[in-house]
Protein backbone atom coordinates (compact mmCIF):
# COMPACT_ATOMS: atom_id res chain seq x y z
CA MET A 1 166.22 -126.03 4.14
CA ASN A 2 165.80 -128.75 2.10
CA THR A 3 167.53 -132.21 1.66
CA LEU A 4 168.75 -133.41 -1.73
CA PRO A 5 170.65 -136.81 -2.70
CA ALA A 6 174.04 -137.13 -2.34
CA SER A 7 174.86 -137.10 -5.97
CA GLY A 8 174.17 -135.37 -9.07
CA SER A 9 170.28 -135.31 -9.39
CA THR A 10 170.25 -131.81 -10.16
CA LEU A 11 172.59 -130.23 -12.92
CA ALA A 12 173.44 -126.69 -13.62
CA LEU A 13 173.91 -125.45 -17.40
CA ALA A 14 176.19 -123.42 -19.67
CA PRO A 15 179.57 -123.43 -20.04
CA GLY A 16 181.21 -120.05 -19.75
CA THR A 17 181.52 -117.46 -16.80
CA ALA A 18 179.00 -117.17 -13.96
CA SER A 19 176.08 -115.10 -13.65
CA PRO A 20 176.75 -112.06 -12.48
CA ALA A 21 174.47 -111.89 -9.62
CA PRO A 22 171.49 -114.68 -8.26
CA GLY A 23 168.73 -114.18 -10.87
CA ALA A 24 170.49 -112.17 -13.31
CA GLY A 25 169.24 -113.12 -17.15
CA ALA A 26 166.67 -115.47 -15.83
CA ASN A 27 163.93 -116.54 -18.50
CA THR A 28 166.36 -114.58 -21.08
CA GLU A 29 168.20 -115.25 -23.86
CA HIS A 30 171.80 -113.64 -25.57
CA ARG A 31 170.86 -113.16 -28.70
CA GLN A 32 172.83 -110.71 -31.09
CA PRO A 33 170.86 -107.64 -32.40
CA SER A 34 170.43 -109.32 -35.86
CA GLN A 35 168.82 -111.93 -34.35
CA LEU A 36 165.88 -110.13 -32.80
CA ARG A 37 164.57 -108.97 -36.01
CA LEU A 38 161.99 -112.25 -36.49
CA PRO A 39 160.76 -114.99 -34.34
CA THR A 40 161.55 -118.34 -35.52
CA HIS A 41 158.67 -119.51 -36.92
CA GLN A 42 158.72 -116.72 -39.75
CA LEU A 43 162.13 -117.65 -40.98
CA PRO A 44 162.72 -119.43 -43.81
CA PRO A 45 164.47 -122.81 -43.27
CA SER A 46 167.73 -121.60 -44.65
CA ARG A 47 167.56 -118.46 -41.91
CA ILE A 48 166.67 -121.04 -39.05
CA ALA A 49 169.63 -123.55 -40.12
CA ARG A 50 171.96 -121.17 -40.01
CA ARG A 51 171.12 -119.69 -36.95
CA SER A 52 171.67 -123.00 -35.49
CA ILE A 53 174.71 -123.44 -36.58
CA LEU A 54 175.92 -119.98 -35.52
CA ALA A 55 174.28 -120.54 -32.11
CA SER A 56 176.54 -124.26 -31.86
CA GLU A 57 179.79 -122.58 -32.66
CA THR A 58 179.35 -119.50 -30.24
CA ALA A 59 178.56 -122.00 -27.94
CA LEU A 60 181.82 -124.39 -28.19
CA GLN A 61 183.84 -121.27 -28.48
CA ARG A 62 182.63 -119.92 -25.38
CA ALA A 63 182.96 -123.70 -23.58
CA GLY A 64 186.65 -123.63 -24.40
CA ASP A 65 188.52 -126.56 -22.51
CA GLY A 66 186.00 -126.92 -19.96
CA PHE A 67 183.03 -127.76 -22.20
CA PHE A 68 183.40 -131.69 -21.27
CA ASP A 69 183.06 -130.22 -17.40
CA TRP A 70 180.26 -128.45 -18.30
CA LEU A 71 178.58 -131.35 -19.87
CA ASP A 72 178.89 -133.30 -17.09
CA HIS A 73 177.91 -130.77 -14.97
CA VAL A 74 174.63 -130.26 -16.91
CA TRP A 75 173.82 -134.27 -17.86
CA SER A 76 170.97 -135.04 -15.40
CA ALA A 77 169.23 -131.97 -17.06
CA ALA A 78 170.59 -132.27 -20.48
CA GLY A 79 167.64 -133.34 -22.45
CA CYS A 80 165.24 -131.23 -20.56
CA ALA A 81 163.54 -128.59 -22.36
CA HIS A 82 162.74 -126.07 -19.87
CA PRO A 83 165.26 -126.84 -17.22
CA ILE A 84 165.09 -124.85 -13.08
CA ARG A 85 168.15 -122.70 -12.75
CA LEU A 86 168.90 -122.82 -8.94
CA PHE A 87 171.68 -120.82 -7.01
CA GLY A 88 172.63 -121.23 -3.18
CA ASP A 89 175.05 -123.21 -1.35
CA LEU A 90 175.20 -126.87 -0.67
CA ASP A 91 176.83 -128.35 2.70
CA VAL A 92 177.81 -131.85 2.88
CA VAL A 93 177.03 -133.72 6.22
CA ASP A 94 178.07 -136.90 7.98
CA SER A 95 174.62 -138.20 9.09
CA ARG A 96 176.50 -140.19 12.02
CA THR A 97 178.31 -137.62 13.40
CA GLY A 98 176.75 -134.22 12.41
CA GLU A 99 180.14 -133.20 10.98
CA LEU A 100 180.30 -130.58 8.19
CA THR A 101 182.30 -132.20 5.56
CA ARG A 102 182.16 -130.15 2.67
CA SER A 103 180.60 -126.57 1.62
CA LEU A 104 180.13 -125.93 -1.97
CA SER A 105 178.45 -122.68 -3.44
CA THR A 106 177.00 -122.63 -7.02
CA THR A 107 179.18 -119.38 -7.53
CA GLY A 108 182.26 -122.02 -8.49
CA MET A 109 180.29 -124.11 -10.78
CA PRO A 110 179.70 -123.35 -14.67
CA ASP A 111 177.57 -120.71 -15.34
CA GLY A 112 177.17 -120.50 -11.32
CA VAL A 113 174.02 -122.13 -11.32
CA ILE A 114 172.41 -125.60 -10.82
CA TYR A 115 170.06 -126.85 -13.18
CA LYS A 116 167.82 -129.26 -12.46
CA ALA A 117 165.06 -131.21 -14.86
CA CYS A 118 161.48 -129.36 -15.10
CA GLY A 119 160.17 -133.29 -14.63
CA ASN A 120 156.94 -132.30 -16.69
CA ARG A 121 154.61 -135.42 -17.68
CA ARG A 122 153.82 -133.79 -21.04
CA ALA A 123 155.15 -134.90 -24.11
CA THR A 124 154.58 -131.41 -25.99
CA VAL A 125 156.27 -129.58 -23.13
CA CYS A 126 159.19 -131.38 -22.26
CA PRO A 127 159.85 -134.55 -24.60
CA ALA A 128 163.01 -135.41 -22.13
CA CYS A 129 161.04 -135.62 -18.83
CA ALA A 130 158.18 -137.32 -20.62
CA ASP A 131 159.48 -139.79 -21.87
CA THR A 132 161.39 -140.69 -18.12
CA TYR A 133 157.82 -140.45 -16.95
CA ARG A 134 156.47 -142.52 -19.25
CA ARG A 135 158.79 -145.50 -18.81
CA ASP A 136 158.60 -145.05 -14.88
CA ALA A 137 154.42 -145.28 -15.67
CA PHE A 138 155.31 -148.93 -17.78
CA GLN A 139 157.31 -150.64 -14.99
CA LEU A 140 154.71 -149.14 -12.34
CA ILE A 141 151.95 -150.28 -13.78
CA ARG A 142 153.24 -153.51 -15.45
CA SER A 143 154.70 -154.65 -12.33
CA GLY A 144 151.19 -154.55 -10.34
CA LEU A 145 151.10 -157.36 -13.29
CA ALA A 146 153.10 -159.31 -13.54
CA GLY A 147 154.81 -158.75 -10.28
CA GLY A 148 158.59 -157.40 -9.42
CA LYS A 149 159.73 -154.09 -8.72
CA THR A 150 159.04 -155.29 -4.64
CA VAL A 151 155.63 -156.51 -6.08
CA PRO A 152 155.25 -160.55 -5.31
CA ALA A 153 155.68 -162.46 -8.52
CA SER A 154 152.16 -163.83 -7.46
CA VAL A 155 150.25 -161.04 -8.55
CA ALA A 156 150.40 -162.51 -12.30
CA ARG A 157 147.61 -165.44 -11.55
CA HIS A 158 145.29 -162.51 -9.82
CA PRO A 159 142.18 -162.34 -11.83
CA ALA A 160 142.32 -158.68 -13.49
CA VAL A 161 140.92 -157.00 -16.11
CA PHE A 162 141.53 -153.74 -18.25
CA ALA A 163 137.90 -151.27 -18.42
CA THR A 164 137.27 -148.30 -20.27
CA PHE A 165 135.02 -146.25 -18.71
CA THR A 166 133.72 -143.02 -21.03
CA ALA A 167 131.60 -139.69 -21.14
CA PRO A 168 128.05 -139.77 -21.76
CA SER A 169 126.93 -137.49 -24.82
CA PHE A 170 126.29 -133.71 -24.64
CA GLY A 171 125.23 -133.32 -28.08
CA PRO A 172 126.31 -135.50 -31.44
CA VAL A 173 129.95 -134.87 -32.79
CA HIS A 174 131.64 -136.08 -35.53
CA THR A 175 132.82 -139.64 -35.04
CA ARG A 176 134.60 -142.18 -37.12
CA HIS A 177 133.62 -145.89 -36.37
CA VAL A 178 134.76 -148.63 -37.61
CA ARG A 179 132.20 -151.39 -36.92
CA ARG A 180 135.00 -154.14 -37.64
CA HIS A 181 138.93 -154.04 -37.77
CA ILE A 182 140.87 -155.80 -40.39
CA CYS A 183 144.25 -153.55 -39.65
CA THR A 184 146.62 -154.71 -37.63
CA ASP A 185 147.54 -151.29 -36.38
CA ARG A 186 144.92 -149.06 -34.88
CA ALA A 187 146.99 -146.28 -34.41
CA HIS A 188 147.31 -145.67 -38.60
CA CYS A 189 143.63 -147.72 -39.20
CA SER A 190 142.99 -147.61 -42.82
CA CYS A 191 140.09 -149.60 -42.27
CA ARG A 192 136.80 -148.23 -44.24
CA PRO A 193 134.58 -146.34 -41.70
CA GLU A 194 130.66 -146.16 -41.23
CA PRO A 195 129.23 -142.75 -42.26
CA CYS A 196 129.26 -140.42 -39.34
CA HIS A 197 125.70 -139.56 -38.53
CA ALA A 198 123.54 -141.22 -41.47
CA ARG A 199 119.41 -140.48 -41.17
CA ARG A 200 116.70 -141.07 -43.41
CA ASP A 201 115.17 -138.08 -42.94
CA LEU A 202 117.32 -135.00 -43.67
CA THR A 203 116.12 -132.76 -40.61
CA HIS A 204 118.09 -129.28 -39.26
CA CYS A 205 118.08 -128.61 -35.58
CA ASP A 206 116.89 -125.21 -34.09
CA HIS A 207 119.72 -123.14 -35.10
CA GLY A 208 119.48 -124.26 -38.92
CA GLU A 209 122.51 -126.91 -38.85
CA PRO A 210 121.85 -130.70 -40.40
CA ALA A 211 121.05 -132.66 -38.14
CA ALA A 212 122.83 -135.58 -40.36
CA CYS A 213 126.35 -136.60 -41.56
CA PHE A 214 126.94 -138.93 -44.23
CA ALA A 215 131.06 -138.23 -44.49
CA ARG A 216 133.42 -141.54 -43.90
CA HIS A 217 136.17 -139.18 -41.99
CA GLU A 218 139.60 -140.07 -41.98
CA PRO A 219 141.58 -140.63 -38.98
CA GLY A 220 142.94 -137.38 -39.38
CA ASP A 221 140.21 -135.23 -40.68
CA SER A 222 139.87 -131.60 -38.51
CA ARG A 223 135.76 -132.20 -38.22
CA LEU A 224 136.68 -135.39 -35.86
CA GLY A 225 135.37 -134.70 -32.26
CA GLN A 226 133.65 -131.02 -33.24
CA PRO A 227 129.98 -130.75 -32.66
CA LEU A 228 127.28 -131.02 -35.28
CA CYS A 229 125.94 -127.60 -34.32
CA PRO A 230 128.22 -126.21 -31.71
CA ASP A 231 125.00 -124.02 -30.42
CA CYS A 232 122.81 -127.42 -29.44
CA TYR A 233 126.11 -128.95 -27.85
CA ASP A 234 125.57 -128.52 -23.94
CA HIS A 235 129.05 -127.23 -23.11
CA ASP A 236 128.20 -126.39 -19.80
CA HIS A 237 127.13 -130.08 -19.09
CA HIS A 238 130.39 -131.24 -20.43
CA VAL A 239 132.78 -129.13 -18.30
CA VAL A 240 130.73 -130.09 -15.15
CA TRP A 241 131.19 -133.46 -16.01
CA ASN A 242 134.97 -133.48 -16.93
CA ASN A 243 135.24 -131.70 -13.41
CA HIS A 244 133.35 -134.28 -11.09
CA ALA A 245 134.66 -137.26 -13.46
CA SER A 246 136.92 -137.72 -10.38
CA GLU A 247 134.33 -138.37 -7.92
CA LEU A 248 132.91 -140.84 -9.88
CA TRP A 249 135.18 -142.99 -10.23
CA ARG A 250 135.73 -142.92 -6.90
CA ARG A 251 132.18 -144.02 -6.07
CA THR A 252 132.36 -146.85 -8.74
CA LYS A 253 135.43 -148.49 -7.34
CA GLN A 254 133.69 -148.63 -4.41
CA ALA A 255 130.68 -149.81 -6.16
CA ILE A 256 133.37 -152.85 -7.47
CA SER A 257 134.91 -153.53 -3.99
CA ARG A 258 131.45 -153.57 -2.07
CA HIS A 259 129.58 -155.91 -5.00
CA LEU A 260 132.61 -158.42 -5.01
CA ASN A 261 132.06 -158.64 -1.12
CA ARG A 262 128.97 -159.02 -1.07
CA LEU A 263 129.30 -161.76 -3.56
CA ALA A 264 132.31 -163.20 -1.45
CA SER A 265 130.12 -163.02 1.73
CA ALA A 266 127.05 -164.98 -0.26
CA ARG A 267 129.40 -167.85 -1.06
CA GLY A 268 130.94 -168.31 2.23
CA LEU A 269 134.55 -167.04 1.17
CA PRO A 270 136.65 -164.66 2.87
CA PRO A 271 136.94 -160.83 1.86
CA VAL A 272 138.64 -159.29 -0.82
CA ARG A 273 140.12 -156.22 -2.26
CA VAL A 274 140.15 -154.58 -5.82
CA SER A 275 143.41 -152.73 -6.33
CA HIS A 276 143.45 -150.54 -9.52
CA GLY A 277 145.70 -148.33 -11.77
CA LYS A 278 144.04 -145.82 -14.06
CA VAL A 279 144.72 -143.30 -16.82
CA ALA A 280 142.69 -140.52 -17.97
CA GLU A 281 143.01 -139.64 -21.85
CA TYR A 282 141.10 -136.93 -23.34
CA GLN A 283 138.78 -137.64 -26.42
CA ALA A 284 138.64 -135.46 -29.34
CA ARG A 285 135.57 -134.08 -28.63
CA GLY A 286 137.42 -132.93 -25.31
CA ALA A 287 135.40 -135.23 -23.08
CA VAL A 288 137.74 -137.16 -20.48
CA HIS A 289 137.45 -141.20 -20.20
CA PHE A 290 139.24 -143.37 -18.11
CA HIS A 291 141.13 -146.55 -18.78
CA ALA A 292 141.25 -148.49 -15.44
CA LEU A 293 143.39 -151.83 -14.60
CA LEU A 294 141.45 -153.44 -11.93
CA ARG A 295 142.94 -156.36 -9.79
CA LEU A 296 141.53 -158.80 -7.83
CA ASP A 297 143.45 -159.10 -4.26
CA GLY A 298 143.15 -161.18 -1.00
CA LEU A 299 142.36 -159.26 2.08
CA GLU A 300 144.30 -160.21 5.40
CA PRO A 301 142.58 -157.85 7.99
CA ASP A 302 145.81 -158.66 10.24
CA ASP A 303 147.76 -157.78 7.48
CA PRO A 304 146.34 -155.15 5.44
CA ALA A 305 149.35 -154.16 3.44
CA ALA A 306 150.03 -157.82 2.30
CA ILE A 307 149.26 -158.69 -1.23
CA LEU A 308 147.66 -161.72 -1.46
CA PRO A 309 146.02 -164.08 -3.59
CA PRO A 310 142.18 -164.19 -3.41
CA PRO A 311 139.78 -167.04 -2.81
CA PRO A 312 139.44 -169.20 -5.58
CA GLY A 313 135.72 -168.82 -5.97
CA ILE A 314 135.89 -165.45 -7.06
CA THR A 315 136.95 -164.85 -11.08
CA ALA A 316 137.69 -162.55 -13.56
CA VAL A 317 134.28 -163.08 -14.70
CA ASP A 318 133.14 -161.59 -11.46
CA LEU A 319 135.25 -159.06 -11.46
CA ASP A 320 134.10 -158.01 -15.69
CA ALA A 321 130.46 -158.14 -14.14
CA ALA A 322 131.24 -156.29 -11.14
CA ALA A 323 133.03 -153.41 -13.45
CA ARG A 324 129.73 -153.16 -15.87
CA LEU A 325 127.25 -152.99 -13.27
CA ALA A 326 128.72 -150.34 -11.39
CA ALA A 327 129.14 -148.22 -14.42
CA ALA A 328 125.71 -148.83 -15.42
CA HIS A 329 124.25 -147.46 -11.89
CA ILE A 330 126.54 -145.31 -10.02
CA THR A 331 125.71 -141.60 -10.47
CA CYS A 332 126.05 -138.41 -8.80
CA THR A 333 124.43 -134.76 -8.81
CA THR A 334 126.66 -131.77 -8.31
CA ASP A 335 125.50 -128.77 -5.86
CA PRO A 336 122.97 -126.43 -7.57
CA HIS A 337 124.16 -123.88 -9.72
CA PRO A 338 122.39 -120.78 -10.70
CA ALA A 339 122.78 -121.64 -14.52
CA HIS A 340 121.14 -124.79 -13.49
CA PRO A 341 119.51 -124.76 -10.16
CA ASP A 342 119.12 -128.51 -9.69
CA GLY A 343 122.38 -129.36 -10.29
CA TRP A 344 124.03 -131.56 -12.86
CA PHE A 345 123.63 -135.53 -13.41
CA ILE A 346 126.89 -137.03 -13.48
CA THR A 347 126.88 -140.39 -14.86
CA TRP A 348 128.94 -142.85 -17.31
CA GLY A 349 128.34 -143.23 -20.66
CA GLU A 350 126.92 -146.14 -22.67
CA GLN A 351 130.02 -147.11 -24.28
CA VAL A 352 131.69 -149.14 -21.34
CA ASP A 353 134.42 -151.98 -22.40
CA VAL A 354 135.85 -154.38 -20.17
CA ARG A 355 138.43 -156.88 -21.29
CA ILE A 356 139.93 -159.96 -19.23
CA ILE A 357 143.81 -159.55 -18.97
CA SER A 358 146.19 -162.66 -19.75
CA LEU A 359 149.65 -163.24 -19.29
CA HIS A 360 149.29 -165.70 -22.03
CA GLY A 361 148.32 -163.68 -25.04
CA GLU A 362 144.52 -165.13 -25.25
CA SER A 363 143.02 -161.47 -24.53
CA VAL A 364 144.81 -158.47 -23.48
CA SER A 365 148.51 -159.11 -22.00
CA ASP A 366 150.11 -157.09 -19.32
CA ALA A 367 152.42 -155.37 -21.75
CA MET A 368 150.17 -154.06 -24.36
CA VAL A 369 148.20 -152.80 -21.31
CA ALA A 370 151.13 -151.22 -19.49
CA GLY A 371 152.13 -149.66 -22.89
CA TYR A 372 149.12 -148.32 -23.47
CA LEU A 373 148.44 -146.63 -20.45
CA ALA A 374 151.71 -145.29 -20.11
CA LYS A 375 151.54 -143.92 -23.37
CA TYR A 376 148.40 -142.06 -22.53
CA ALA A 377 150.34 -140.97 -18.90
CA THR A 378 151.82 -138.45 -21.01
CA LYS A 379 149.59 -136.63 -22.47
CA GLY A 380 146.84 -134.03 -22.17
CA THR A 381 144.38 -131.68 -24.09
CA GLU A 382 146.56 -131.60 -27.25
CA VAL A 383 144.24 -134.06 -28.93
CA THR A 384 141.63 -131.28 -28.83
CA GLY A 385 143.78 -128.95 -30.65
CA HIS A 386 143.67 -126.75 -27.16
CA SER A 387 146.94 -126.59 -25.19
CA SER A 388 147.55 -124.03 -22.87
CA ARG A 389 148.96 -123.62 -19.33
CA ARG A 390 146.77 -122.02 -16.52
CA LEU A 391 144.84 -119.65 -17.90
CA GLN A 392 144.37 -116.16 -15.81
CA HIS A 393 142.18 -112.77 -16.11
CA HIS A 394 144.81 -111.30 -18.39
CA ASN A 395 144.91 -114.36 -20.81
CA ILE A 396 141.32 -115.89 -20.84
CA GLY A 397 140.46 -113.92 -23.75
CA LEU A 398 142.66 -115.64 -26.04
CA TYR A 399 141.30 -119.16 -25.29
CA ALA A 400 137.66 -118.46 -24.57
CA ASP A 401 135.10 -117.39 -26.90
CA PRO A 402 131.53 -117.97 -26.09
CA GLY A 403 130.54 -117.94 -30.35
CA GLY A 404 133.86 -119.23 -31.39
CA THR A 405 135.37 -122.99 -31.69
CA HIS A 406 134.14 -125.61 -29.75
CA THR A 407 137.00 -125.64 -27.40
CA GLU A 408 137.11 -121.93 -27.12
CA ARG A 409 133.07 -122.50 -25.88
CA LEU A 410 134.25 -124.97 -23.18
CA VAL A 411 137.06 -123.26 -22.11
CA HIS A 412 134.44 -120.06 -21.58
CA ALA A 413 131.72 -122.14 -20.00
CA ALA A 414 134.38 -123.86 -17.23
CA TRP A 415 135.43 -119.92 -16.44
CA THR A 416 132.19 -118.60 -16.50
CA LEU A 417 130.73 -121.08 -14.34
CA GLY A 418 133.62 -121.20 -11.79
CA ASP A 419 132.65 -117.88 -11.18
CA HIS A 420 129.93 -119.35 -8.48
CA PRO A 421 130.38 -120.64 -4.89
CA GLY A 422 131.41 -124.14 -4.58
CA PHE A 423 132.49 -124.31 -8.23
CA GLU A 424 135.85 -122.25 -8.58
CA SER A 425 138.03 -125.45 -9.40
CA LEU A 426 136.41 -125.14 -12.99
CA ARG A 427 137.64 -121.91 -13.18
CA ARG A 428 141.30 -123.39 -11.71
CA TRP A 429 140.84 -126.04 -14.32
CA ALA A 430 139.80 -124.08 -17.29
CA HIS A 431 143.03 -124.55 -19.45
CA MET A 432 142.28 -128.47 -18.92
CA LEU A 433 138.53 -128.35 -19.78
CA GLY A 434 137.42 -128.64 -16.42
CA PHE A 435 139.29 -131.73 -15.75
CA GLY A 436 141.27 -131.28 -12.56
CA GLY A 437 142.28 -134.79 -11.14
CA HIS A 438 145.53 -136.74 -11.80
CA PHE A 439 146.00 -138.57 -15.27
CA LEU A 440 148.04 -141.41 -13.65
CA THR A 441 147.00 -142.76 -10.37
CA LYS A 442 146.76 -145.81 -8.33
CA ALA A 443 145.71 -147.61 -5.20
CA ARG A 444 148.33 -147.86 -2.69
CA HIS A 445 148.87 -151.70 -2.91
CA TYR A 446 148.92 -152.15 -6.57
CA SER A 447 152.41 -151.88 -7.20
CA VAL A 448 155.51 -149.65 -6.39
CA THR A 449 155.54 -146.20 -6.25
CA PHE A 450 156.91 -143.20 -8.43
CA ALA A 451 159.60 -142.23 -5.80
CA ALA A 452 160.75 -145.65 -5.29
CA LEU A 453 161.58 -146.00 -9.03
CA ARG A 454 163.51 -142.63 -8.98
CA ALA A 455 165.51 -143.26 -5.95
CA ALA A 456 166.28 -146.80 -7.58
CA ARG A 457 167.35 -145.04 -10.61
CA VAL A 458 169.53 -142.17 -8.67
CA HIS A 459 171.08 -145.19 -7.05
CA TYR A 460 172.04 -146.75 -10.01
CA ARG A 461 173.90 -144.00 -11.33
CA ARG A 462 175.67 -143.48 -8.30
CA THR A 463 177.24 -147.16 -8.00
CA GLN A 464 177.18 -147.69 -11.62
CA PRO A 465 180.86 -148.97 -12.43
CA GLN A 466 182.40 -147.36 -15.40
CA GLY A 467 182.46 -149.81 -19.04
CA PRO A 468 179.95 -152.20 -20.33
CA ASP A 469 180.90 -154.95 -18.00
CA TYR A 470 179.32 -153.84 -14.95
CA ALA A 471 177.39 -156.47 -13.08
CA ASP A 472 173.82 -157.12 -13.35
CA GLU A 473 171.65 -154.42 -10.63
CA ARG A 474 168.42 -155.28 -9.20
CA PHE A 475 165.69 -153.14 -8.08
CA GLU A 476 166.10 -153.97 -4.36
CA ARG A 477 169.57 -152.31 -4.63
CA GLN A 478 167.52 -149.02 -3.81
CA ASP A 479 167.70 -150.21 -0.14
CA ASP A 480 171.23 -149.39 0.49
CA LEU A 481 170.00 -145.85 -0.01
CA ASP A 482 169.02 -145.81 3.73
CA THR A 483 172.36 -146.42 4.70
CA GLN A 484 174.35 -143.62 3.20
CA THR A 485 177.07 -141.77 5.46
CA THR A 486 176.68 -138.61 4.08
CA VAL A 487 173.60 -136.15 3.46
CA VAL A 488 173.38 -133.00 1.07
CA LEU A 489 171.78 -129.94 2.67
CA ALA A 490 170.83 -127.30 0.19
CA ARG A 491 170.14 -123.63 0.49
CA LEU A 492 168.78 -122.76 -2.83
CA SER A 493 166.96 -120.16 -4.25
CA TYR A 494 165.28 -120.05 -7.79
CA VAL A 495 166.66 -117.80 -10.53
CA GLY A 496 165.12 -118.71 -13.62
CA THR A 497 163.61 -121.41 -16.42
CA GLY A 498 165.40 -122.83 -19.66
CA TRP A 499 168.86 -122.79 -20.93
CA LYS A 500 170.37 -119.12 -21.12
CA THR A 501 171.39 -119.56 -24.66
CA THR A 502 170.27 -121.44 -27.86
CA GLY A 503 173.54 -122.45 -28.10
CA ASP A 504 173.61 -124.24 -24.98
CA ALA A 505 170.41 -125.57 -25.18
CA LEU A 506 171.47 -127.13 -28.64
CA LEU A 507 174.66 -128.43 -27.32
CA ALA A 508 173.28 -130.24 -24.24
CA ASN A 509 170.16 -131.34 -26.00
CA THR A 510 172.23 -133.00 -28.66
CA ALA A 511 174.08 -134.85 -26.45
CA ALA A 512 170.81 -136.10 -24.32
CA ASP A 513 169.56 -136.97 -27.82
CA GLN A 514 172.57 -139.15 -28.55
CA ALA A 515 172.15 -141.02 -25.49
CA ARG A 516 168.78 -141.68 -25.95
CA ARG A 517 169.84 -143.03 -29.38
CA ARG A 518 172.16 -145.56 -28.08
CA HIS A 519 169.46 -146.78 -25.14
CA GLU A 520 166.98 -147.17 -27.90
CA ALA A 521 169.79 -149.39 -29.98
CA GLY A 522 170.32 -151.24 -26.79
CA ARG A 523 166.54 -152.09 -26.41
CA GLU A 524 166.34 -153.12 -29.84
CA GLU A 525 169.33 -155.01 -30.07
CA LEU A 526 167.95 -156.99 -26.84
CA ALA A 527 164.68 -157.51 -28.48
CA HIS A 528 166.37 -159.47 -31.32
CA GLU A 529 168.49 -161.35 -28.96
CA LEU A 530 165.12 -162.66 -26.74
CA HIS A 531 163.44 -162.97 -30.18
CA ALA A 532 166.10 -165.07 -31.78
CA LEU A 533 166.27 -167.20 -28.47
CA ALA A 534 162.62 -168.11 -28.75
CA ARG A 535 162.75 -168.93 -31.87
CA SER A 536 165.49 -171.28 -31.54
CA LYS A 537 163.66 -172.87 -28.64
CA GLU A 538 160.84 -173.40 -30.77
CA VAL A 539 162.97 -175.14 -33.59
CA ALA A 540 164.52 -177.15 -30.49
């Protein structure tokens, strides 16, 4: 028996009649026979547009007078690309007396099911859910720098740095290196890069491939991240490094904390604590690197949960030096493997970047860091050209090839090495090129949790008055959730994933897209107002 929130955070979908039975039509789509002749990607644009129009007309006709009831029912999952369909019963219980006050069945709801958003963080899988995740990640990261969301505002004065830890080289790859940027937007950089791999001697490797590349690659060049010689590249070490990168980070974080505490002890200062927020990002070559936000806190032994300012004798410069020192010296070695009896050596690459964070714009601002980390928290292996779900024996041949492309060789290496005891996680995470860690992690005391942010959003939706003139709500309203007098007990079963018809998906996602556009317009208007206010203060 599961306990659900007492409001519609889970939604149902599709106007019309209820499903004939639980599970009927799961993962299926009702289409006309003429629509089954060609897949969508093989149809000309005019046929695709005509199919969308017919689907929307069919859905509207099937909706009838109950369309708006259905739209309200599916609203919480309306923007989801692959909502989860649930079938069963809901009981409303008074938490004070234990009395059953109401009983509901999904058979009486539109389409006979409840629809729940999939919650996937990857933008390529579900843009709507990834957008929600990205906004939560931004608030989670920024609150650890500037305060708010139950985090004291005093953290804005704590020393903090933004560090990037990269993987070592496993073989030369095509790169785009700009020695000095003069552009204002790195995402659309048009600066002139250096030659990829310039050499005076035009030598070749043992496989006959040239060991030099004089091209100045453009940002969208398909060769970026590809090895100069795929046969010379150490794909085994690459996937093993990805698999052990999380352990390397754990040891690095410990080394940073220990170094700073030794420094504090030598200066006669009380102990300190390093809190972090970290995001993993794939490089074009398929190696993971970490962007870590490190904040220095004080430590009270009698109250370890308290977030206190560090002693004034420890500065951001000390935190910077500790991060660089740990990146240069922390290593680990894997267990022996038949393919490498001595184990693989795991260490950071030479490209380690550490920048001091400032709230006043002298270096890297809190908003810049939070936006940067939140953006990459919704990405995966797409930058490498590989995108798949978890691989099994029946589909591994579609993505793994020892003589294929760079990513196919990486998948093959992970799958093959993972057949040995102790390295099974390589096979489990072969679709992620060996990396099995979380893409966004944080220290316990860094900031608020995702659960608290989601609970606050649910509470806000329940209590928000109708109309534009509602009172300003604060994050602390989430405390009221603990005093709710009713609890919904759900006995639900999984029916399927996805919208039941193309028309339903079109209607629901169109409504959700309109809502997102209104939110974007509101944020832009607010940004313009704040900018105008700042300009007026400067003039005054």
